[in-house]
């Protein structure tokens, strides 16, 4: 099979399409003929040598895919060869075949094409696990999501709005602000021209939940913007790994800070998240209330271009790679 390999770490030109051995599904796994995958920030970090796959995971990039089941491993039930699926992966999506634990499979939602389905697993699982399972966002609460037009951001806006929350976000351009409000955000704040803490306080008095992809650079201001009982969930470190935390301010607000990732979680935890997504998110997708937002679809041999688009942050939603017709 063909797969994108990393002979070395560095810029986009290290991404190499090569012939490699086919994977074999182990007990409890299925083999998927991959039709499409999607690019995530974690893939960029892996390419630069900053985010190694967990032990036992595929060394090839790619944290999600869509395709058709080609073979079932020992002990797998509930799925059949030929089923159209999408999957949450620990790695290996940038390839023509990938072995996946059966608990991380999802059926392709009705009304969504097989290619577009590749844009769903990572964002749906990340948002549901962090905003709803961990932070326990309630109807009527205020949610601030940084990077409102990213893949995570576009899914967060849609799911949280549908849940009855008031959603605010940060974006980098006025055009992106319009795209975010079109998706349902009450307010989209251009962080290049406005201070998000002041803007959120003026609009709502503060945020009950903050979903943050910046890390250290935003830590103190994220605490500042929290309401009493607020929950800050850090899922990315685009602004660095270190920041200053005023524990007095956090204590006074009876707030909490969570730092969490999805990739390295045990198979059982991922299966529980995937099951929750199937129960709570898939009905909304099939009803047309939530949709994957896709910036562009590129063939796998243009993977370097896809990474460059994500690094430039000119996209809205997901960048998808078509692996095969």
C-alpha atoms as a PDB file:
ATOM      1  CA  UNK A   1       0.000   0.000   0.000  1.00  0.00           C
ATOM      2  CA  UNK A   2       0.966   3.667  -0.253  1.00  0.00           C
ATOM      3  CA  UNK A   3       1.386   5.769   2.871  1.00  0.00           C
ATOM      4  CA  UNK A   4       2.832   9.121   3.859  1.00  0.00           C
ATOM      5  CA  UNK A   5       6.033   8.477   5.807  1.00  0.00           C
ATOM      6  CA  UNK A   6       8.400  10.690   7.776  1.00  0.00           C
ATOM      7  CA  UNK A   7      11.995   9.716   6.939  1.00  0.00           C
ATOM      8  CA  UNK A   8      13.051  12.771   8.980  1.00  0.00           C
ATOM      9  CA  UNK A   9      11.453  15.655  10.875  1.00  0.00           C
ATOM     10  CA  UNK A  10      11.072  19.188   9.584  1.00  0.00           C
ATOM     11  CA  UNK A  11       9.148  21.304   7.096  1.00  0.00           C
ATOM     12  CA  UNK A  12       6.459  20.053   4.753  1.00  0.00           C
ATOM     13  CA  UNK A  13       8.987  18.671   2.260  1.00  0.00           C
ATOM     14  CA  UNK A  14       9.832  15.776   4.612  1.00  0.00           C
ATOM     15  CA  UNK A  15       6.412  14.236   3.977  1.00  0.00           C
ATOM     16  CA  UNK A  16       7.128  11.318   1.640  1.00  0.00           C
ATOM     17  CA  UNK A  17       4.634   9.104  -0.186  1.00  0.00           C
ATOM     18  CA  UNK A  18       6.057   5.574  -0.231  1.00  0.00           C
ATOM     19  CA  UNK A  19       5.136   1.919  -0.710  1.00  0.00           C
ATOM     20  CA  UNK A  20       4.943   0.185   2.678  1.00  0.00           C
ATOM     21  CA  UNK A  21       3.658  -3.171   3.995  1.00  0.00           C
ATOM     22  CA  UNK A  22      -0.070  -3.566   4.569  1.00  0.00           C
ATOM     23  CA  UNK A  23      -1.182  -3.603   8.227  1.00  0.00           C
ATOM     24  CA  UNK A  24      -2.848  -6.684   9.681  1.00  0.00           C
ATOM     25  CA  UNK A  25      -5.826  -6.372  12.037  1.00  0.00           C
ATOM     26  CA  UNK A  26      -5.211  -7.895  15.450  1.00  0.00           C
ATOM     27  CA  UNK A  27      -7.828  -9.257  17.846  1.00  0.00           C
ATOM     28  CA  UNK A  28     -10.614  -6.737  18.314  1.00  0.00           C
ATOM     29  CA  UNK A  29      -9.507  -4.695  15.297  1.00  0.00           C
ATOM     30  CA  UNK A  30     -10.783  -4.164  11.750  1.00  0.00           C
ATOM     31  CA  UNK A  31      -8.852  -3.368   8.589  1.00  0.00           C
ATOM     32  CA  UNK A  32     -10.166  -0.329   6.727  1.00  0.00           C
ATOM     33  CA  UNK A  33      -9.553   0.505   3.072  1.00  0.00           C
ATOM     34  CA  UNK A  34      -9.080   4.243   3.519  1.00  0.00           C
ATOM     35  CA  UNK A  35     -10.909   6.581   1.144  1.00  0.00           C
ATOM     36  CA  UNK A  36     -10.092   9.867   2.880  1.00  0.00           C
ATOM     37  CA  UNK A  37      -8.371  11.307   5.921  1.00  0.00           C
ATOM     38  CA  UNK A  38      -8.050  14.812   7.376  1.00  0.00           C
ATOM     39  CA  UNK A  39      -5.205  17.013   8.575  1.00  0.00           C
ATOM     40  CA  UNK A  40      -4.998  18.000  12.245  1.00  0.00           C
ATOM     41  CA  UNK A  41      -2.609  20.233  14.185  1.00  0.00           C
ATOM     42  CA  UNK A  42      -1.228  17.122  15.862  1.00  0.00           C
ATOM     43  CA  UNK A  43      -0.028  15.925  12.445  1.00  0.00           C
ATOM     44  CA  UNK A  44       1.995  19.124  12.031  1.00  0.00           C
ATOM     45  CA  UNK A  45       3.573  18.600  15.441  1.00  0.00           C
ATOM     46  CA  UNK A  46       4.387  14.977  14.613  1.00  0.00           C
ATOM     47  CA  UNK A  47       6.004  16.066  11.340  1.00  0.00           C
ATOM     48  CA  UNK A  48       8.289  18.391  13.295  1.00  0.00           C
ATOM     49  CA  UNK A  49       9.183  15.724  15.849  1.00  0.00           C
ATOM     50  CA  UNK A  50       7.207  17.172  18.768  1.00  0.00           C
ATOM     51  CA  UNK A  51       4.346  14.657  19.045  1.00  0.00           C
ATOM     52  CA  UNK A  52       5.316  11.021  18.892  1.00  0.00           C
ATOM     53  CA  UNK A  53       2.586   8.391  18.390  1.00  0.00           C
ATOM     54  CA  UNK A  54       1.690   6.413  21.519  1.00  0.00           C
ATOM     55  CA  UNK A  55       3.303   2.976  21.925  1.00  0.00           C
ATOM     56  CA  UNK A  56       1.914   0.435  19.482  1.00  0.00           C
ATOM     57  CA  UNK A  57       0.286   3.019  17.202  1.00  0.00           C
ATOM     58  CA  UNK A  58       1.068   3.416  13.509  1.00  0.00           C
ATOM     59  CA  UNK A  59       4.071   5.641  12.799  1.00  0.00           C
ATOM     60  CA  UNK A  60       2.291   7.278   9.859  1.00  0.00           C
ATOM     61  CA  UNK A  61       0.410  10.535  10.508  1.00  0.00           C
ATOM     62  CA  UNK A  62      -3.364  10.768  10.444  1.00  0.00           C
ATOM     63  CA  UNK A  63      -5.760  10.719  13.411  1.00  0.00           C
ATOM     64  CA  UNK A  64      -8.986   9.974  11.539  1.00  0.00           C
ATOM     65  CA  UNK A  65     -10.213   8.418   8.337  1.00  0.00           C
ATOM     66  CA  UNK A  66     -13.193   7.216   6.367  1.00  0.00           C
ATOM     67  CA  UNK A  67     -13.438   4.148   4.167  1.00  0.00           C
ATOM     68  CA  UNK A  68     -14.760   0.613   3.887  1.00  0.00           C
ATOM     69  CA  UNK A  69     -14.083  -2.380   6.095  1.00  0.00           C
ATOM     70  CA  UNK A  70     -11.777  -4.815   4.295  1.00  0.00           C
ATOM     71  CA  UNK A  71     -11.305  -7.468   7.012  1.00  0.00           C
ATOM     72  CA  UNK A  72     -12.343  -8.278  10.574  1.00  0.00           C
ATOM     73  CA  UNK A  73      -9.921  -9.297  13.285  1.00  0.00           C
ATOM     74  CA  UNK A  74     -10.609 -12.074  15.757  1.00  0.00           C
ATOM     75  CA  UNK A  75     -13.542 -11.409  18.088  1.00  0.00           C
ATOM     76  CA  UNK A  76     -15.061  -8.480  16.198  1.00  0.00           C
ATOM     77  CA  UNK A  77     -18.837  -8.446  15.937  1.00  0.00           C
ATOM     78  CA  UNK A  78     -21.408  -5.882  14.861  1.00  0.00           C
ATOM     79  CA  UNK A  79     -19.499  -4.932  11.696  1.00  0.00           C
ATOM     80  CA  UNK A  80     -19.233  -6.552   8.270  1.00  0.00           C
ATOM     81  CA  UNK A  81     -16.775  -6.441   5.396  1.00  0.00           C
ATOM     82  CA  UNK A  82     -17.869  -3.678   3.030  1.00  0.00           C
ATOM     83  CA  UNK A  83     -19.438  -1.444   5.703  1.00  0.00           C
ATOM     84  CA  UNK A  84     -18.784   2.259   5.113  1.00  0.00           C
ATOM     85  CA  UNK A  85     -17.230   3.721   8.255  1.00  0.00           C
ATOM     86  CA  UNK A  86     -15.211   6.548   9.690  1.00  0.00           C
ATOM     87  CA  UNK A  87     -12.798   6.115  12.562  1.00  0.00           C
ATOM     88  CA  UNK A  88     -10.853   7.814  15.322  1.00  0.00           C
ATOM     89  CA  UNK A  89      -7.203   6.763  15.052  1.00  0.00           C
ATOM     90  CA  UNK A  90      -4.003   6.951  17.071  1.00  0.00           C
ATOM     91  CA  UNK A  91      -2.121   7.203  13.774  1.00  0.00           C
ATOM     92  CA  UNK A  92      -2.003   5.770  10.271  1.00  0.00           C
ATOM     93  CA  UNK A  93      -4.726   7.726   8.490  1.00  0.00           C
ATOM     94  CA  UNK A  94      -2.402   8.978   5.743  1.00  0.00           C
ATOM     95  CA  UNK A  95      -2.359   5.514   4.148  1.00  0.00           C
ATOM     96  CA  UNK A  96      -4.417   3.290   1.889  1.00  0.00           C
ATOM     97  CA  UNK A  97      -5.142   0.839   4.709  1.00  0.00           C
ATOM     98  CA  UNK A  98      -5.248   1.137   8.499  1.00  0.00           C
ATOM     99  CA  UNK A  99      -6.008  -1.256  11.366  1.00  0.00           C
ATOM    100  CA  UNK A 100      -8.454   0.223  13.883  1.00  0.00           C
ATOM    101  CA  UNK A 101      -9.833  -1.013  17.229  1.00  0.00           C
ATOM    102  CA  UNK A 102     -13.474  -1.821  16.554  1.00  0.00           C
ATOM    103  CA  UNK A 103     -14.582   0.447  19.406  1.00  0.00           C
ATOM    104  CA  UNK A 104     -13.226   3.461  17.521  1.00  0.00           C
ATOM    105  CA  UNK A 105     -15.378   2.900  14.446  1.00  0.00           C
ATOM    106  CA  UNK A 106     -18.444   4.946  13.564  1.00  0.00           C
ATOM    107  CA  UNK A 107     -20.902   4.391  10.730  1.00  0.00           C
ATOM    108  CA  UNK A 108     -20.887   7.102   8.087  1.00  0.00           C
ATOM    109  CA  UNK A 109     -23.835   9.344   9.025  1.00  0.00           C
ATOM    110  CA  UNK A 110     -26.786   9.314   6.655  1.00  0.00           C
ATOM    111  CA  UNK A 111     -26.603  12.276   4.295  1.00  0.00           C
ATOM    112  CA  UNK A 112     -22.809  12.647   4.566  1.00  0.00           C
ATOM    113  CA  UNK A 113     -20.533  11.524   1.740  1.00  0.00           C
ATOM    114  CA  UNK A 114     -17.798   9.001   2.432  1.00  0.00           C
ATOM    115  CA  UNK A 115     -15.102  11.599   1.737  1.00  0.00           C
ATOM    116  CA  UNK A 116     -16.695  14.289   3.920  1.00  0.00           C
ATOM    117  CA  UNK A 117     -17.083  11.788   6.774  1.00  0.00           C
ATOM    118  CA  UNK A 118     -13.293  11.817   7.198  1.00  0.00           C
ATOM    119  CA  UNK A 119     -13.633  15.327   8.656  1.00  0.00           C
ATOM    120  CA  UNK A 120     -15.837  14.215  11.553  1.00  0.00           C
ATOM    121  CA  UNK A 121     -14.261  11.723  14.017  1.00  0.00           C
ATOM    122  CA  UNK A 122     -11.436  13.787  15.543  1.00  0.00           C
ATOM    123  CA  UNK A 123     -13.397  17.020  15.981  1.00  0.00           C
ATOM    124  CA  UNK A 124     -16.592  15.332  17.146  1.00  0.00           C
ATOM    125  CA  UNK A 125     -14.767  13.191  19.711  1.00  0.00           C
ATOM    126  CA  UNK A 126     -12.562  16.055  20.916  1.00  0.00           C
ATOM    127  CA  UNK A 127     -15.451  18.476  21.363  1.00  0.00           C
ATOM    128  CA  UNK A 128     -17.811  15.985  22.965  1.00  0.00           C
ATOM    129  CA  UNK A 129     -15.158  14.641  25.352  1.00  0.00           C
ATOM    130  CA  UNK A 130     -13.977  18.062  26.502  1.00  0.00           C
ATOM    131  CA  UNK A 131     -16.910  20.443  26.279  1.00  0.00           C
ATOM    132  CA  UNK A 132     -19.701  18.089  27.276  1.00  0.00           C
ATOM    133  CA  UNK A 133     -18.195  15.139  29.179  1.00  0.00           C
ATOM    134  CA  UNK A 134     -15.388  16.971  31.031  1.00  0.00           C
ATOM    135  CA  UNK A 135     -16.560  20.589  31.310  1.00  0.00           C
ATOM    136  CA  UNK A 136     -20.236  19.567  31.485  1.00  0.00           C
ATOM    137  CA  UNK A 137     -21.499  22.592  29.555  1.00  0.00           C
ATOM    138  CA  UNK A 138     -25.105  23.355  30.480  1.00  0.00           C
ATOM    139  CA  UNK A 139     -27.838  25.071  28.452  1.00  0.00           C
ATOM    140  CA  UNK A 140     -27.761  28.818  29.032  1.00  0.00           C
ATOM    141  CA  UNK A 141     -24.072  28.888  29.964  1.00  0.00           C
ATOM    142  CA  UNK A 142     -21.485  30.934  28.077  1.00  0.00           C
ATOM    143  CA  UNK A 143     -18.804  29.087  26.138  1.00  0.00           C
ATOM    144  CA  UNK A 144     -15.719  30.777  24.701  1.00  0.00           C
ATOM    145  CA  UNK A 145     -13.818  28.777  22.085  1.00  0.00           C
ATOM    146  CA  UNK A 146     -10.513  30.000  20.742  1.00  0.00           C
ATOM    147  CA  UNK A 147      -9.950  29.446  17.044  1.00  0.00           C
ATOM    148  CA  UNK A 148     -13.623  29.571  16.159  1.00  0.00           C
ATOM    149  CA  UNK A 149     -13.141  28.731  12.473  1.00  0.00           C
ATOM    150  CA  UNK A 150     -10.778  25.806  12.996  1.00  0.00           C
ATOM    151  CA  UNK A 151     -12.082  22.272  12.646  1.00  0.00           C
ATOM    152  CA  UNK A 152     -12.551  22.096  16.417  1.00  0.00           C
ATOM    153  CA  UNK A 153     -14.035  25.569  16.530  1.00  0.00           C
ATOM    154  CA  UNK A 154     -16.620  25.028  13.817  1.00  0.00           C
ATOM    155  CA  UNK A 155     -17.810  21.815  15.469  1.00  0.00           C
ATOM    156  CA  UNK A 156     -17.858  23.432  18.935  1.00  0.00           C
ATOM    157  CA  UNK A 157     -19.974  26.364  17.761  1.00  0.00           C
ATOM    158  CA  UNK A 158     -22.547  24.084  16.169  1.00  0.00           C
ATOM    159  CA  UNK A 159     -22.832  21.543  18.986  1.00  0.00           C
ATOM    160  CA  UNK A 160     -22.835  24.082  21.819  1.00  0.00           C
ATOM    161  CA  UNK A 161     -25.384  26.319  20.095  1.00  0.00           C
ATOM    162  CA  UNK A 162     -27.622  23.321  19.486  1.00  0.00           C
ATOM    163  CA  UNK A 163     -27.232  22.489  23.201  1.00  0.00           C
ATOM    164  CA  UNK A 164     -28.631  25.898  24.143  1.00  0.00           C
ATOM    165  CA  UNK A 165     -25.383  27.557  25.211  1.00  0.00           C
ATOM    166  CA  UNK A 166     -24.302  31.071  24.281  1.00  0.00           C
ATOM    167  CA  UNK A 167     -21.171  30.693  22.137  1.00  0.00           C
ATOM    168  CA  UNK A 168     -18.441  33.274  21.712  1.00  0.00           C
ATOM    169  CA  UNK A 169     -15.179  32.724  19.849  1.00  0.00           C
ATOM    170  CA  UNK A 170     -11.908  34.285  18.786  1.00  0.00           C
ATOM    171  CA  UNK A 171     -10.819  34.506  15.140  1.00  0.00           C
ATOM    172  CA  UNK A 172      -7.979  36.107  13.194  1.00  0.00           C
ATOM    173  CA  UNK A 173      -9.854  38.043  10.484  1.00  0.00           C
ATOM    174  CA  UNK A 174     -13.145  39.831   9.997  1.00  0.00           C
ATOM    175  CA  UNK A 175     -14.025  37.372   7.218  1.00  0.00           C
ATOM    176  CA  UNK A 176     -13.578  34.483   9.641  1.00  0.00           C
ATOM    177  CA  UNK A 177     -15.700  36.359  12.181  1.00  0.00           C
ATOM    178  CA  UNK A 178     -18.552  36.371   9.684  1.00  0.00           C
ATOM    179  CA  UNK A 179     -18.135  32.648   9.014  1.00  0.00           C
ATOM    180  CA  UNK A 180     -18.258  31.930  12.751  1.00  0.00           C
ATOM    181  CA  UNK A 181     -21.427  33.959  13.294  1.00  0.00           C
ATOM    182  CA  UNK A 182     -23.000  32.247  10.290  1.00  0.00           C
ATOM    183  CA  UNK A 183     -22.441  28.950  12.126  1.00  0.00           C
ATOM    184  CA  UNK A 184     -24.201  30.267  15.220  1.00  0.00           C
ATOM    185  CA  UNK A 185     -21.647  32.149  17.315  1.00  0.00           C
ATOM    186  CA  UNK A 186     -23.215  35.044  19.201  1.00  0.00           C
ATOM    187  CA  UNK A 187     -19.979  37.027  19.013  1.00  0.00           C
ATOM    188  CA  UNK A 188     -16.743  36.453  17.074  1.00  0.00           C
ATOM    189  CA  UNK A 189     -13.829  38.499  18.403  1.00  0.00           C
ATOM    190  CA  UNK A 190     -10.929  39.403  16.125  1.00  0.00           C
ATOM    191  CA  UNK A 191      -8.012  38.842  18.494  1.00  0.00           C
ATOM    192  CA  UNK A 192      -5.752  41.017  16.315  1.00  0.00           C
ATOM    193  CA  UNK A 193      -7.836  44.146  16.949  1.00  0.00           C
ATOM    194  CA  UNK A 194      -9.618  43.523  20.276  1.00  0.00           C
ATOM    195  CA  UNK A 195      -8.878  42.093  23.724  1.00  0.00           C
ATOM    196  CA  UNK A 196     -11.016  38.998  24.092  1.00  0.00           C
ATOM    197  CA  UNK A 197     -11.276  39.330  27.889  1.00  0.00           C
ATOM    198  CA  UNK A 198     -12.833  42.777  27.651  1.00  0.00           C
ATOM    199  CA  UNK A 199     -15.045  41.777  24.725  1.00  0.00           C
ATOM    200  CA  UNK A 200     -16.428  38.714  26.522  1.00  0.00           C
ATOM    201  CA  UNK A 201     -16.990  40.625  29.761  1.00  0.00           C
ATOM    202  CA  UNK A 202     -18.800  43.400  27.898  1.00  0.00           C
ATOM    203  CA  UNK A 203     -21.025  40.919  26.062  1.00  0.00           C
ATOM    204  CA  UNK A 204     -21.827  38.361  28.764  1.00  0.00           C
ATOM    205  CA  UNK A 205     -19.969  39.218  31.954  1.00  0.00           C
ATOM    206  CA  UNK A 206     -17.589  36.279  31.473  1.00  0.00           C
ATOM    207  CA  UNK A 207     -17.416  32.673  30.322  1.00  0.00           C
ATOM    208  CA  UNK A 208     -18.532  29.536  32.131  1.00  0.00           C
ATOM    209  CA  UNK A 209     -16.398  27.304  29.899  1.00  0.00           C
ATOM    210  CA  UNK A 210     -13.328  28.149  27.838  1.00  0.00           C
ATOM    211  CA  UNK A 211     -12.027  25.696  25.237  1.00  0.00           C
ATOM    212  CA  UNK A 212      -8.454  26.738  24.574  1.00  0.00           C
ATOM    213  CA  UNK A 213      -5.970  25.743  21.883  1.00  0.00           C
ATOM    214  CA  UNK A 214      -3.284  28.284  22.808  1.00  0.00           C
ATOM    215  CA  UNK A 215      -1.920  27.062  26.135  1.00  0.00           C
ATOM    216  CA  UNK A 216       0.688  29.171  27.907  1.00  0.00           C
ATOM    217  CA  UNK A 217       0.181  32.455  26.076  1.00  0.00           C
ATOM    218  CA  UNK A 218      -3.509  32.636  27.023  1.00  0.00           C
ATOM    219  CA  UNK A 219      -3.442  30.973  30.449  1.00  0.00           C
ATOM    220  CA  UNK A 220      -3.731  34.050  32.667  1.00  0.00           C
ATOM    221  CA  UNK A 221      -6.256  35.800  30.442  1.00  0.00           C
ATOM    222  CA  UNK A 222      -8.369  32.663  30.192  1.00  0.00           C
ATOM    223  CA  UNK A 223      -8.573  32.608  33.988  1.00  0.00           C
ATOM    224  CA  UNK A 224      -9.431  36.319  33.965  1.00  0.00           C
ATOM    225  CA  UNK A 225     -12.376  35.736  31.624  1.00  0.00           C
ATOM    226  CA  UNK A 226     -13.908  32.914  33.693  1.00  0.00           C
ATOM    227  CA  UNK A 227     -17.066  33.441  35.702  1.00  0.00           C
ATOM    228  CA  UNK A 228     -17.460  31.996  39.194  1.00  0.00           C
ATOM    229  CA  UNK A 229     -17.396  28.220  38.868  1.00  0.00           C
ATOM    230  CA  UNK A 230     -15.859  28.479  35.412  1.00  0.00           C
ATOM    231  CA  UNK A 231     -13.979  25.645  33.721  1.00  0.00           C
ATOM    232  CA  UNK A 232     -10.942  26.149  31.488  1.00  0.00           C
ATOM    233  CA  UNK A 233     -10.076  23.200  29.240  1.00  0.00           C
ATOM    234  CA  UNK A 234      -6.718  23.380  27.455  1.00  0.00           C
ATOM    235  CA  UNK A 235      -6.446  21.081  24.424  1.00  0.00           C
ATOM    236  CA  UNK A 236      -3.619  22.744  22.483  1.00  0.00           C
ATOM    237  CA  UNK A 237      -0.310  24.517  22.981  1.00  0.00           C
ATOM    238  CA  UNK A 238      -0.027  26.770  19.936  1.00  0.00           C
ATOM    239  CA  UNK A 239       0.930  29.633  22.261  1.00  0.00           C
ATOM    240  CA  UNK A 240       3.572  27.715  24.200  1.00  0.00           C
ATOM    241  CA  UNK A 241       3.814  25.229  27.038  1.00  0.00           C
ATOM    242  CA  UNK A 242       4.410  27.634  29.927  1.00  0.00           C
ATOM    243  CA  UNK A 243       2.283  30.392  31.391  1.00  0.00           C
ATOM    244  CA  UNK A 244       1.708  32.184  34.700  1.00  0.00           C
ATOM    245  CA  UNK A 245      -1.280  31.058  36.718  1.00  0.00           C
ATOM    246  CA  UNK A 246      -2.714  33.303  39.434  1.00  0.00           C
ATOM    247  CA  UNK A 247      -3.995  30.696  41.875  1.00  0.00           C
ATOM    248  CA  UNK A 248      -5.599  33.404  43.983  1.00  0.00           C
ATOM    249  CA  UNK A 249      -7.757  34.518  41.076  1.00  0.00           C
ATOM    250  CA  UNK A 250      -8.649  30.917  40.261  1.00  0.00           C
ATOM    251  CA  UNK A 251      -9.500  30.147  43.888  1.00  0.00           C
ATOM    252  CA  UNK A 252     -11.636  33.264  44.242  1.00  0.00           C
ATOM    253  CA  UNK A 253     -13.685  32.146  41.255  1.00  0.00           C
ATOM    254  CA  UNK A 254     -13.811  28.532  42.429  1.00  0.00           C
ATOM    255  CA  UNK A 255     -12.620  27.742  38.947  1.00  0.00           C
ATOM    256  CA  UNK A 256     -10.833  24.760  37.463  1.00  0.00           C
ATOM    257  CA  UNK A 257      -8.167  24.219  34.817  1.00  0.00           C
ATOM    258  CA  UNK A 258      -7.990  20.976  32.846  1.00  0.00           C
ATOM    259  CA  UNK A 259      -5.265  20.069  30.367  1.00  0.00           C
ATOM    260  CA  UNK A 260      -6.235  17.088  28.255  1.00  0.00           C
ATOM    261  CA  UNK A 261      -5.431  15.178  25.076  1.00  0.00           C
ATOM    262  CA  UNK A 262      -7.194  12.420  23.166  1.00  0.00           C
ATOM    263  CA  UNK A 263      -4.566  10.504  21.191  1.00  0.00           C
ATOM    264  CA  UNK A 264      -2.809   8.639  23.993  1.00  0.00           C
ATOM    265  CA  UNK A 265      -5.918   7.603  25.935  1.00  0.00           C
ATOM    266  CA  UNK A 266      -6.486   3.879  26.468  1.00  0.00           C
ATOM    267  CA  UNK A 267      -8.583   2.043  23.896  1.00  0.00           C
ATOM    268  CA  UNK A 268     -11.410   1.612  26.417  1.00  0.00           C
ATOM    269  CA  UNK A 269     -11.633   5.351  27.071  1.00  0.00           C
ATOM    270  CA  UNK A 270     -11.668   6.149  23.368  1.00  0.00           C
ATOM    271  CA  UNK A 271     -14.379   3.554  22.804  1.00  0.00           C
ATOM    272  CA  UNK A 272     -16.527   5.212  25.473  1.00  0.00           C
ATOM    273  CA  UNK A 273     -16.084   8.618  23.842  1.00  0.00           C
ATOM    274  CA  UNK A 274     -16.867   7.213  20.382  1.00  0.00           C
ATOM    275  CA  UNK A 275     -19.999   5.539  21.742  1.00  0.00           C
ATOM    276  CA  UNK A 276     -21.132   8.844  23.276  1.00  0.00           C
ATOM    277  CA  UNK A 277     -20.510  10.642  19.982  1.00  0.00           C
ATOM    278  CA  UNK A 278     -22.559   8.050  18.127  1.00  0.00           C
ATOM    279  CA  UNK A 279     -25.399   8.462  20.614  1.00  0.00           C
ATOM    280  CA  UNK A 280     -25.408  12.247  20.932  1.00  0.00           C
ATOM    281  CA  UNK A 281     -23.696  13.798  17.896  1.00  0.00           C
ATOM    282  CA  UNK A 282     -24.590  11.482  15.018  1.00  0.00           C
ATOM    283  CA  UNK A 283     -28.358  12.127  15.303  1.00  0.00           C
ATOM    284  CA  UNK A 284     -27.682  15.864  14.979  1.00  0.00           C
ATOM    285  CA  UNK A 285     -25.489  15.291  11.921  1.00  0.00           C
ATOM    286  CA  UNK A 286     -28.091  13.040  10.285  1.00  0.00           C
ATOM    287  CA  UNK A 287     -30.797  15.619  11.010  1.00  0.00           C
ATOM    288  CA  UNK A 288     -28.726  18.311   9.267  1.00  0.00           C
ATOM    289  CA  UNK A 289     -28.384  20.341  12.480  1.00  0.00           C
ATOM    290  CA  UNK A 290     -24.610  19.850  12.584  1.00  0.00           C
ATOM    291  CA  UNK A 291     -22.351  19.402   9.577  1.00  0.00           C
ATOM    292  CA  UNK A 292     -18.666  18.961   8.828  1.00  0.00           C
ATOM    293  CA  UNK A 293     -17.172  22.243   7.646  1.00  0.00           C
ATOM    294  CA  UNK A 294     -14.599  21.465   4.953  1.00  0.00           C
ATOM    295  CA  UNK A 295     -12.249  24.075   3.550  1.00  0.00           C
ATOM    296  CA  UNK A 296     -10.887  21.932   0.713  1.00  0.00           C
ATOM    297  CA  UNK A 297     -10.260  18.361  -0.430  1.00  0.00           C
ATOM    298  CA  UNK A 298      -6.810  17.541  -1.826  1.00  0.00           C
ATOM    299  CA  UNK A 299      -5.353  14.270  -3.142  1.00  0.00           C
ATOM    300  CA  UNK A 300      -2.925  12.447  -0.857  1.00  0.00           C
ATOM    301  CA  UNK A 301       0.053  13.308  -3.060  1.00  0.00           C
ATOM    302  CA  UNK A 302      -0.554  16.987  -2.209  1.00  0.00           C
ATOM    303  CA  UNK A 303      -0.165  16.359   1.521  1.00  0.00           C
ATOM    304  CA  UNK A 304       2.619  18.961   1.780  1.00  0.00           C
ATOM    305  CA  UNK A 305       0.229  21.605   0.437  1.00  0.00           C
ATOM    306  CA  UNK A 306      -2.412  20.529   2.948  1.00  0.00           C
ATOM    307  CA  UNK A 307       0.046  20.958   5.827  1.00  0.00           C
ATOM    308  CA  UNK A 308       1.079  24.371   4.510  1.00  0.00           C
ATOM    309  CA  UNK A 309      -2.549  25.511   4.418  1.00  0.00           C
ATOM    310  CA  UNK A 310      -3.042  24.508   8.042  1.00  0.00           C
ATOM    311  CA  UNK A 311       0.181  26.195   9.139  1.00  0.00           C
ATOM    312  CA  UNK A 312      -0.830  29.425   7.409  1.00  0.00           C
ATOM    313  CA  UNK A 313      -4.220  29.333   9.200  1.00  0.00           C
ATOM    314  CA  UNK A 314      -5.994  30.576   6.091  1.00  0.00           C
ATOM    315  CA  UNK A 315      -8.529  27.755   6.166  1.00  0.00           C
ATOM    316  CA  UNK A 316     -12.014  27.534   7.663  1.00  0.00           C
ATOM    317  CA  UNK A 317     -12.937  24.115   8.989  1.00  0.00           C
ATOM    318  CA  UNK A 318     -11.113  20.962   7.918  1.00  0.00           C
ATOM    319  CA  UNK A 319      -8.594  20.179   5.198  1.00  0.00           C
ATOM    320  CA  UNK A 320      -9.347  16.695   3.842  1.00  0.00           C
ATOM    321  CA  UNK A 321      -7.004  14.372   1.943  1.00  0.00           C
ATOM    322  CA  UNK A 322      -8.557  12.018  -0.593  1.00  0.00           C
ATOM    323  CA  UNK A 323      -6.602   8.771  -0.433  1.00  0.00           C
ATOM    324  CA  UNK A 324      -8.429   6.885  -3.206  1.00  0.00           C
ATOM    325  CA  UNK A 325     -11.435   7.333  -5.462  1.00  0.00           C
END
